Amino acid sequence: MSEFLMPSLGADMEAGTLVEWLVKPDEQVNRGDVIAVVETQKGAIEIEIFEDGVLEKYLVDIGKKVPVGTPLAKIKQAREAETLKPRPHIVPIEVTPEIAEIDEFDNVPEFAKPQKGRRFRITPAARQLAETSGLNLASFKKNASGPGGAITLFDVEAMIGRKPDTSIEIASAVGPVKMTGMRGAIAAAMSRSKRDIPHYYLAHTIDLSKAENFVIKSNEVRPPTDRLLLGALYLKAVARAVGKFPEFNGHFIDGLFQQSAAAHIGMAIKIRGGGLVAPAIHDAQSLELDVAMSALRDLASRVRAGRFRSSEISDATITISSLGDRGVESLYGIIYPPQVAIIGFGTPSMRPWVNGETVEARRVATITLAADHRVSDGHRGALFLNAIDIFLQEPETL
């Protein structure tokens, strides 16, 4: 017998709210199945299980907020179960939370009935709080923060004016400004990172002309939905580079560095309502460039819809943050523990560039490294950045 615990979905998470069970008691579960949905400051996250067995019973009610590590359910391991109730295997990438959709109103309270022609998707915890608060769901705008535009507990709390547990206030020239729960959680995690991790920083300017020309030429024969972006090349170049410099790829836990054989690269993505998450593209070192681009596109769309999985949040072994077209030359990231490095890509721009005996206008960008001095040093960091540069000079090999 084992316990299924509220997982830690990053250094900025202290607790989560159980909003949905996707498996019933006495049903079989398999490693990798999504069996529950937990709501945090980052949104509704699909939680996977990492053992085979049978879900024996729930230990936490839907709508309850509990700390990380709290037992959520009891799991009877496969060898302990004499008979298993047959249940089709769930493929994680195809599973989405079954959030209640209000489209039949016979048993719906008057206040919860939408206006004619409108339909709502809402988590059980959010619906319960809305009912007890007398909140009119018809006043919600479209596309709430949950998966597929579902109304979540966080949305209802915000609408009724309940102050999130992790919110704080900061002073400004025009008076107090409330900081959201996510912003407060990120600030706490980054403060711990700067306090506990001895950061060092390096920067390197690279010529992106070959990479950019490769992307332009490749896209000439592609439909818009299949076009490459520089971000896919960044992903592959970093994945290849950590293969040569593995001390930048892994987790530092309990005084020991646990090197990862696979490059699970976290991609920093802005989410609706403010804040960032950096879910992982798994095994990026083995992905073809087109597959990597598809994975990036899929991940970005799901994050913006507030739908991603627990393993994507917890498995990242190194993070990439890119400023895209925001016009900033460089960024110096803060390491997201327990990782030991983060790579930043500044906005590409045209600059004079010495090419042999001539000076030419080239598209260049500054890449930065923030790394953990307990695991690596500036010499290795410089070689690591140079390796990323070399791979980007040969984009056809990525």
Protein backbone atom coordinates (compact mmCIF):
# COMPACT_ATOMS: atom_id res chain seq x y z
CA MET A 1 0.00 0.00 0.00
CA SER A 2 1.34 3.44 -0.87
CA GLU A 3 0.11 7.01 -0.71
CA PHE A 4 -0.39 9.39 -3.60
CA LEU A 5 0.92 12.73 -2.33
CA MET A 6 0.27 16.35 -3.26
CA PRO A 7 3.32 16.85 -5.48
CA SER A 8 5.74 19.73 -5.38
CA LEU A 9 5.37 21.52 -8.69
CA GLY A 10 8.33 23.81 -8.24
CA ALA A 11 10.18 25.83 -5.65
CA ASP A 12 7.43 28.44 -5.60
CA MET A 13 4.68 26.01 -4.56
CA GLU A 14 3.78 25.41 -0.92
CA ALA A 15 0.20 24.12 -1.30
CA GLY A 16 -2.40 23.22 -3.90
CA THR A 17 -6.17 22.83 -4.17
CA LEU A 18 -7.59 19.52 -5.37
CA VAL A 19 -10.21 20.40 -7.99
CA GLU A 20 -10.87 17.15 -9.85
CA TRP A 21 -10.45 13.38 -9.59
CA LEU A 22 -10.17 11.66 -12.98
CA VAL A 23 -10.11 8.14 -11.49
CA LYS A 24 -12.69 6.48 -9.25
CA PRO A 25 -11.94 4.20 -6.27
CA ASP A 26 -11.22 0.58 -7.23
CA GLU A 27 -10.08 1.58 -10.72
CA GLN A 28 -6.72 0.52 -12.08
CA VAL A 29 -4.04 3.16 -12.63
CA ASN A 30 -0.86 2.86 -14.66
CA ARG A 31 2.40 4.74 -14.49
CA GLY A 32 2.00 8.02 -16.38
CA ASP A 33 -1.78 8.23 -16.06
CA VAL A 34 -3.24 11.64 -15.24
CA ILE A 35 -5.48 10.92 -12.26
CA ALA A 36 -6.22 14.32 -10.70
CA VAL A 37 -6.21 18.06 -11.30
CA VAL A 38 -4.63 20.42 -8.78
CA GLU A 39 -4.99 24.18 -8.85
CA THR A 40 -2.02 26.37 -7.88
CA GLN A 41 -1.06 29.96 -8.59
CA LYS A 42 0.11 28.71 -12.00
CA GLY A 43 -3.29 27.36 -12.98
CA ALA A 44 -4.94 23.95 -13.18
CA ILE A 45 -2.24 21.28 -13.44
CA GLU A 46 -2.87 17.69 -14.44
CA ILE A 47 -1.20 15.36 -11.93
CA GLU A 48 0.33 12.08 -13.04
CA ILE A 49 0.98 8.92 -11.04
CA PHE A 50 4.29 7.06 -11.23
CA GLU A 51 3.35 3.54 -10.23
CA ASP A 52 0.92 0.82 -11.27
CA GLY A 53 -1.88 -0.26 -8.99
CA VAL A 54 -5.45 0.39 -7.92
CA LEU A 55 -6.77 3.61 -6.42
CA GLU A 56 -8.24 2.33 -3.15
CA LYS A 57 -9.75 5.50 -1.67
CA TYR A 58 -9.61 9.28 -1.62
CA LEU A 59 -8.05 11.00 1.39
CA VAL A 60 -8.76 14.62 0.42
CA ASP A 61 -12.07 16.14 -0.64
CA ILE A 62 -12.43 18.17 -3.82
CA GLY A 63 -12.01 21.87 -3.13
CA LYS A 64 -9.63 21.40 -0.19
CA LYS A 65 -6.31 23.22 -0.16
CA VAL A 66 -3.49 21.15 1.35
CA PRO A 67 0.31 21.55 1.70
CA VAL A 68 2.81 19.83 -0.57
CA GLY A 69 3.39 16.26 0.62
CA THR A 70 -0.14 15.72 1.95
CA PRO A 71 -1.53 12.24 1.09
CA LEU A 72 -4.32 12.65 -1.47
CA ALA A 73 -5.23 8.98 -1.97
CA LYS A 74 -4.23 5.44 -1.08
CA ILE A 75 -2.88 3.29 -3.88
CA LYS A 76 -2.89 -0.49 -3.68
CA GLN A 77 0.16 -1.59 -5.62
CA ALA A 78 -0.36 -4.04 -8.46
CA ARG A 79 1.23 -6.96 -6.64
CA GLU A 80 -1.08 -6.40 -3.67
CA ALA A 81 -4.26 -6.49 -5.70
CA GLU A 82 -5.69 -9.96 -6.21
CA THR A 83 -8.04 -8.75 -8.93
CA LEU A 84 -7.93 -5.52 -10.86
CA LYS A 85 -11.01 -3.91 -12.27
CA PRO A 86 -10.29 -3.58 -16.02
CA ARG A 87 -9.76 -0.02 -17.13
CA PRO A 88 -8.37 1.23 -20.45
CA HIS A 89 -4.91 2.70 -20.18
CA ILE A 90 -4.94 6.50 -20.23
CA VAL A 91 -2.40 8.16 -22.50
CA PRO A 92 -1.34 11.30 -20.57
CA ILE A 93 -1.13 13.63 -23.55
CA GLU A 94 -4.75 12.91 -24.49
CA VAL A 95 -6.27 13.29 -21.03
CA THR A 96 -7.90 16.55 -19.98
CA PRO A 97 -9.84 17.31 -16.82
CA GLU A 98 -13.55 16.64 -17.04
CA ILE A 99 -14.59 20.04 -15.81
CA ALA A 100 -18.31 20.41 -15.36
CA GLU A 101 -20.06 22.22 -18.18
CA ILE A 102 -23.31 23.88 -17.21
CA ASP A 103 -25.66 23.27 -20.11
CA GLU A 104 -28.73 21.82 -18.38
CA PHE A 105 -30.32 24.07 -15.84
CA ASP A 106 -33.09 22.07 -14.15
CA ASN A 107 -30.99 21.56 -11.03
CA VAL A 108 -28.88 24.68 -11.22
CA PRO A 109 -29.53 27.50 -8.73
CA GLU A 110 -31.10 30.60 -10.24
CA PHE A 111 -27.99 32.71 -9.62
CA ALA A 112 -25.82 30.20 -11.49
CA LYS A 113 -27.90 30.12 -14.65
CA PRO A 114 -26.06 31.74 -17.56
CA GLN A 115 -27.62 34.27 -19.83
CA LYS A 116 -29.39 32.85 -22.84
CA GLY A 117 -26.94 31.46 -25.37
CA ARG A 118 -24.01 31.25 -22.93
CA ARG A 119 -22.39 28.12 -21.55
CA PHE A 120 -19.84 27.78 -18.77
CA ARG A 121 -17.16 25.28 -17.87
CA ILE A 122 -16.34 25.34 -14.18
CA THR A 123 -14.35 23.25 -11.71
CA PRO A 124 -16.27 21.67 -8.81
CA ALA A 125 -14.44 23.74 -6.20
CA ALA A 126 -15.19 26.95 -8.08
CA ARG A 127 -18.84 26.05 -8.48
CA GLN A 128 -19.17 25.22 -4.77
CA LEU A 129 -17.67 28.54 -3.72
CA ALA A 130 -19.82 30.43 -6.25
CA GLU A 131 -22.95 28.81 -4.84
CA THR A 132 -22.10 29.54 -1.21
CA SER A 133 -21.17 33.13 -2.10
CA GLY A 134 -24.29 33.80 -4.17
CA LEU A 135 -22.13 34.72 -7.15
CA ASN A 136 -23.81 35.17 -10.53
CA LEU A 137 -21.78 33.16 -13.04
CA ALA A 138 -23.34 35.10 -15.89
CA SER A 139 -21.11 38.03 -14.94
CA PHE A 140 -17.97 36.10 -15.88
CA LYS A 141 -16.24 37.07 -19.06
CA LYS A 142 -15.25 34.44 -21.57
CA ASN A 143 -11.96 32.56 -21.28
CA ALA A 144 -11.39 32.29 -17.56
CA SER A 145 -8.00 31.06 -16.38
CA GLY A 146 -8.73 27.32 -16.29
CA PRO A 147 -8.24 24.64 -18.95
CA GLY A 148 -10.22 25.48 -22.08
CA GLY A 149 -11.45 28.74 -20.56
CA ALA A 150 -12.99 27.04 -17.52
CA ILE A 151 -13.85 29.06 -14.43
CA THR A 152 -11.48 28.05 -11.63
CA LEU A 153 -11.42 28.49 -7.88
CA PHE A 154 -8.89 31.30 -8.32
CA ASP A 155 -11.27 33.13 -10.68
CA VAL A 156 -14.16 32.91 -8.22
CA GLU A 157 -11.98 34.03 -5.30
CA ALA A 158 -10.81 37.01 -7.32
CA MET A 159 -14.36 37.97 -8.28
CA ILE A 160 -15.73 37.88 -4.75
CA GLY A 161 -12.73 39.82 -3.48
CA ARG A 162 -11.18 37.07 -1.40
CA LYS A 163 -7.53 37.84 -0.88
CA PRO A 164 -5.30 34.94 -2.05
CA ASP A 165 -3.28 33.32 0.73
CA THR A 166 0.03 34.25 -0.85
CA SER A 167 -0.74 37.81 -1.91
CA ILE A 168 1.30 40.67 -0.50
CA GLU A 169 1.28 44.43 -0.92
CA ILE A 170 4.11 46.67 -2.03
CA ALA A 171 4.34 50.43 -1.73
CA SER A 172 4.33 52.64 -4.79
CA ALA A 173 4.32 56.33 -5.55
CA VAL A 174 0.57 56.23 -6.06
CA GLY A 175 -0.28 54.04 -3.05
CA PRO A 176 -0.30 50.33 -2.25
CA VAL A 177 -0.28 47.92 -5.19
CA LYS A 178 -1.55 44.41 -4.58
CA MET A 179 0.77 41.64 -5.70
CA THR A 180 -0.95 38.54 -7.04
CA GLY A 181 -0.56 35.13 -5.46
CA MET A 182 1.58 33.94 -8.35
CA ARG A 183 3.81 36.99 -8.23
CA GLY A 184 4.30 36.56 -4.50
CA ALA A 185 5.12 32.86 -4.93
CA ILE A 186 7.64 33.61 -7.69
CA ALA A 187 9.25 36.32 -5.57
CA ALA A 188 9.60 33.94 -2.62
CA ALA A 189 11.15 31.20 -4.77
CA MET A 190 13.59 33.56 -6.47
CA SER A 191 14.58 35.09 -3.11
CA ARG A 192 15.44 31.61 -1.83
CA SER A 193 17.37 30.91 -5.02
CA LYS A 194 19.52 34.04 -4.71
CA ARG A 195 20.06 33.36 -1.02
CA ASP A 196 20.99 29.68 -1.31
CA ILE A 197 22.62 29.36 -4.74
CA PRO A 198 25.99 31.04 -5.45
CA HIS A 199 25.20 32.45 -8.89
CA TYR A 200 27.75 33.49 -11.45
CA TYR A 201 26.92 35.16 -14.76
CA LEU A 202 28.44 35.12 -18.26
CA ALA A 203 27.38 36.71 -21.56
CA HIS A 204 28.33 35.97 -25.16
CA THR A 205 27.26 37.69 -28.40
CA ILE A 206 26.63 35.37 -31.35
CA ASP A 207 26.04 35.79 -35.07
CA LEU A 208 22.57 34.46 -35.90
CA SER A 209 22.77 35.04 -39.66
CA LYS A 210 23.14 31.37 -40.59
CA ALA A 211 20.42 30.29 -38.18
CA GLU A 212 18.05 32.99 -39.40
CA ASN A 213 18.70 32.23 -43.08
CA PHE A 214 18.11 28.54 -42.40
CA VAL A 215 14.74 29.35 -40.81
CA ILE A 216 13.74 31.66 -43.69
CA LYS A 217 14.69 29.11 -46.36
CA SER A 218 12.96 26.25 -44.50
CA ASN A 219 9.75 28.25 -44.15
CA GLU A 220 9.51 29.04 -47.86
CA VAL A 221 8.01 25.62 -48.53
CA ARG A 222 6.02 25.25 -45.32
CA PRO A 223 2.44 26.21 -44.51
CA PRO A 224 2.12 28.81 -41.72
CA THR A 225 1.14 26.14 -39.16
CA ASP A 226 4.40 24.21 -39.71
CA ARG A 227 6.87 27.07 -39.87
CA LEU A 228 10.03 27.03 -37.79
CA LEU A 229 10.97 29.68 -35.24
CA LEU A 230 14.40 30.51 -33.87
CA GLY A 231 13.18 29.20 -30.51
CA ALA A 232 13.29 25.64 -31.85
CA LEU A 233 16.92 26.12 -32.86
CA TYR A 234 17.73 27.55 -29.43
CA LEU A 235 16.13 24.50 -27.83
CA LYS A 236 18.11 22.05 -29.93
CA ALA A 237 21.41 23.93 -29.58
CA VAL A 238 21.16 23.97 -25.78
CA ALA A 239 20.15 20.29 -25.74
CA ARG A 240 23.20 19.39 -27.81
CA ALA A 241 25.50 21.59 -25.71
CA VAL A 242 24.50 20.06 -22.34
CA GLY A 243 25.48 16.70 -23.81
CA LYS A 244 29.03 18.00 -23.94
CA PHE A 245 28.81 19.91 -20.65
CA PRO A 246 26.56 17.80 -18.39
CA GLU A 247 27.38 19.76 -15.24
CA PHE A 248 24.78 22.33 -16.36
CA ASN A 249 22.01 19.76 -16.73
CA GLY A 250 20.46 18.28 -13.60
CA HIS A 251 19.34 18.96 -10.05
CA PHE A 252 21.22 19.95 -6.90
CA ILE A 253 19.42 18.27 -3.98
CA ASP A 254 20.55 17.74 -0.37
CA GLY A 255 24.11 18.83 -1.09
CA LEU A 256 24.56 16.54 -4.10
CA PHE A 257 24.40 17.24 -7.82
CA GLN A 258 22.26 14.70 -9.66
CA GLN A 259 23.29 14.84 -13.30
CA SER A 260 20.57 14.07 -15.86
CA ALA A 261 21.28 11.89 -18.87
CA ALA A 262 18.32 13.46 -20.68
CA ALA A 263 17.86 17.13 -21.54
CA HIS A 264 14.44 18.10 -20.17
CA ILE A 265 14.56 21.76 -21.13
CA GLY A 266 12.23 24.19 -19.41
CA MET A 267 10.86 26.93 -21.66
CA ALA A 268 9.85 30.14 -19.88
CA ILE A 269 6.35 31.09 -21.07
CA LYS A 270 4.20 34.01 -19.97
CA ILE A 271 0.78 33.00 -18.69
CA ARG A 272 -2.50 34.88 -18.68
CA GLY A 273 -2.89 37.15 -15.69
CA GLY A 274 0.84 37.72 -15.16
CA GLY A 275 3.76 35.57 -14.16
CA LEU A 276 5.79 32.87 -15.86
CA VAL A 277 6.03 29.13 -15.87
CA ALA A 278 8.82 27.03 -17.39
CA PRO A 279 7.47 23.57 -18.23
CA ALA A 280 9.83 21.09 -19.83
CA ILE A 281 10.22 19.75 -23.33
CA HIS A 282 11.24 16.19 -22.44
CA ASP A 283 14.24 14.45 -24.06
CA ALA A 284 14.96 17.45 -26.26
CA GLN A 285 18.32 15.98 -27.27
CA SER A 286 16.60 13.20 -29.22
CA LEU A 287 13.89 15.26 -30.96
CA GLU A 288 14.04 16.09 -34.66
CA LEU A 289 13.88 19.83 -35.28
CA ASP A 290 10.33 19.69 -36.66
CA VAL A 291 9.19 17.61 -33.68
CA ALA A 292 10.83 20.08 -31.31
CA MET A 293 8.96 22.95 -33.01
CA SER A 294 5.67 21.07 -32.71
CA ALA A 295 6.35 20.37 -29.05
CA LEU A 296 7.08 24.06 -28.43
CA ARG A 297 3.91 25.14 -30.20
CA ASP A 298 1.80 22.62 -28.29
CA LEU A 299 3.33 23.54 -24.94
CA ALA A 300 2.84 27.27 -25.45
CA SER A 301 -0.81 26.86 -26.43
CA ARG A 302 -1.57 24.62 -23.43
CA VAL A 303 0.20 26.91 -20.97
CA ARG A 304 -1.74 29.92 -22.22
CA ALA A 305 -4.91 27.90 -21.75
CA GLY A 306 -3.81 27.05 -18.20
CA ARG A 307 -3.38 23.35 -18.97
CA PHE A 308 -0.12 21.51 -18.42
CA ARG A 309 1.09 18.47 -16.53
CA SER A 310 2.93 17.99 -13.27
CA SER A 311 5.91 16.24 -14.88
CA GLU A 312 6.39 19.16 -17.25
CA ILE A 313 6.74 21.48 -14.27
CA SER A 314 8.90 19.30 -12.02
CA ASP A 315 11.19 17.53 -14.52
CA ALA A 316 13.03 20.46 -16.15
CA THR A 317 16.81 20.04 -15.86
CA ILE A 318 17.81 23.43 -17.33
CA THR A 319 15.74 26.44 -18.41
CA ILE A 320 15.74 28.71 -21.47
CA SER A 321 14.28 32.20 -21.28
CA SER A 322 13.97 34.22 -24.48
CA LEU A 323 12.88 37.84 -24.88
CA GLY A 324 11.84 37.24 -28.49
CA ASP A 325 11.00 40.57 -30.13
CA ARG A 326 10.74 42.60 -26.92
CA GLY A 327 13.71 44.75 -27.86
CA VAL A 328 16.01 43.99 -24.92
CA GLU A 329 19.62 43.04 -25.68
CA SER A 330 20.18 40.66 -22.78
CA LEU A 331 18.61 39.18 -19.69
CA TYR A 332 20.28 37.64 -16.66
CA GLY A 333 18.07 34.97 -15.19
CA ILE A 334 17.76 33.58 -11.68
CA ILE A 335 18.24 29.83 -11.40
CA TYR A 336 15.05 27.90 -10.70
CA PRO A 337 15.94 25.36 -7.98
CA PRO A 338 16.78 22.53 -7.92
CA GLN A 339 18.20 23.28 -11.39
CA VAL A 340 21.74 24.59 -11.66
CA ALA A 341 21.61 26.81 -14.77
CA ILE A 342 19.41 29.06 -16.88
CA ILE A 343 20.13 30.37 -20.41
CA GLY A 344 18.86 33.73 -21.59
CA PHE A 345 18.48 34.77 -25.24
CA GLY A 346 18.20 38.49 -25.96
CA THR A 347 16.36 40.06 -28.88
CA PRO A 348 18.22 39.62 -32.21
CA SER A 349 19.21 42.91 -33.83
CA MET A 350 21.29 44.20 -36.74
CA ARG A 351 24.80 45.29 -35.77
CA PRO A 352 28.19 45.87 -37.41
CA TRP A 353 30.09 42.58 -37.41
CA VAL A 354 33.70 41.90 -38.40
CA ASN A 355 33.84 39.09 -40.97
CA GLY A 356 37.44 38.47 -41.97
CA GLU A 357 38.74 41.67 -43.49
CA THR A 358 35.35 43.36 -43.81
CA VAL A 359 32.68 44.81 -41.55
CA GLU A 360 29.13 43.71 -42.37
CA ALA A 361 25.67 44.22 -41.00
CA ARG A 362 24.69 40.97 -39.29
CA ARG A 363 21.78 39.74 -37.17
CA VAL A 364 23.27 39.06 -33.74
CA ALA A 365 22.02 38.29 -30.26
CA THR A 366 23.43 38.12 -26.75
CA ILE A 367 23.05 34.88 -24.84
CA THR A 368 23.66 34.73 -21.11
CA LEU A 369 24.29 32.01 -18.57
CA ALA A 370 23.44 32.07 -14.87
CA ALA A 371 24.96 28.99 -13.25
CA ASP A 372 25.50 27.42 -9.83
CA HIS A 373 29.11 27.81 -8.62
CA ARG A 374 28.76 24.69 -6.47
CA VAL A 375 28.61 22.60 -9.64
CA SER A 376 30.51 24.53 -12.33
CA ASP A 377 32.81 27.49 -12.83
CA GLY A 378 33.33 30.35 -15.25
CA HIS A 379 35.80 28.43 -17.41
CA ARG A 380 33.32 25.63 -18.09
CA GLY A 381 30.50 28.13 -18.41
CA ALA A 382 32.38 29.98 -21.16
CA LEU A 383 32.97 26.74 -23.05
CA PHE A 384 29.28 25.86 -22.65
CA LEU A 385 28.12 29.17 -24.18
CA ASN A 386 30.65 28.77 -26.98
CA ALA A 387 29.27 25.29 -27.71
CA ILE A 388 25.76 26.73 -28.07
CA ASP A 389 27.20 29.30 -30.50
CA ILE A 390 28.93 26.59 -32.57
CA PHE A 391 25.75 24.54 -32.90
CA LEU A 392 23.79 27.61 -34.03
CA GLN A 393 26.40 28.19 -36.78
CA GLU A 394 25.46 24.77 -38.18
CA PRO A 395 21.64 24.86 -38.01
CA GLU A 396 21.22 22.11 -40.59
CA THR A 397 22.80 19.65 -38.11
CA LEU A 398 20.38 20.37 -35.25
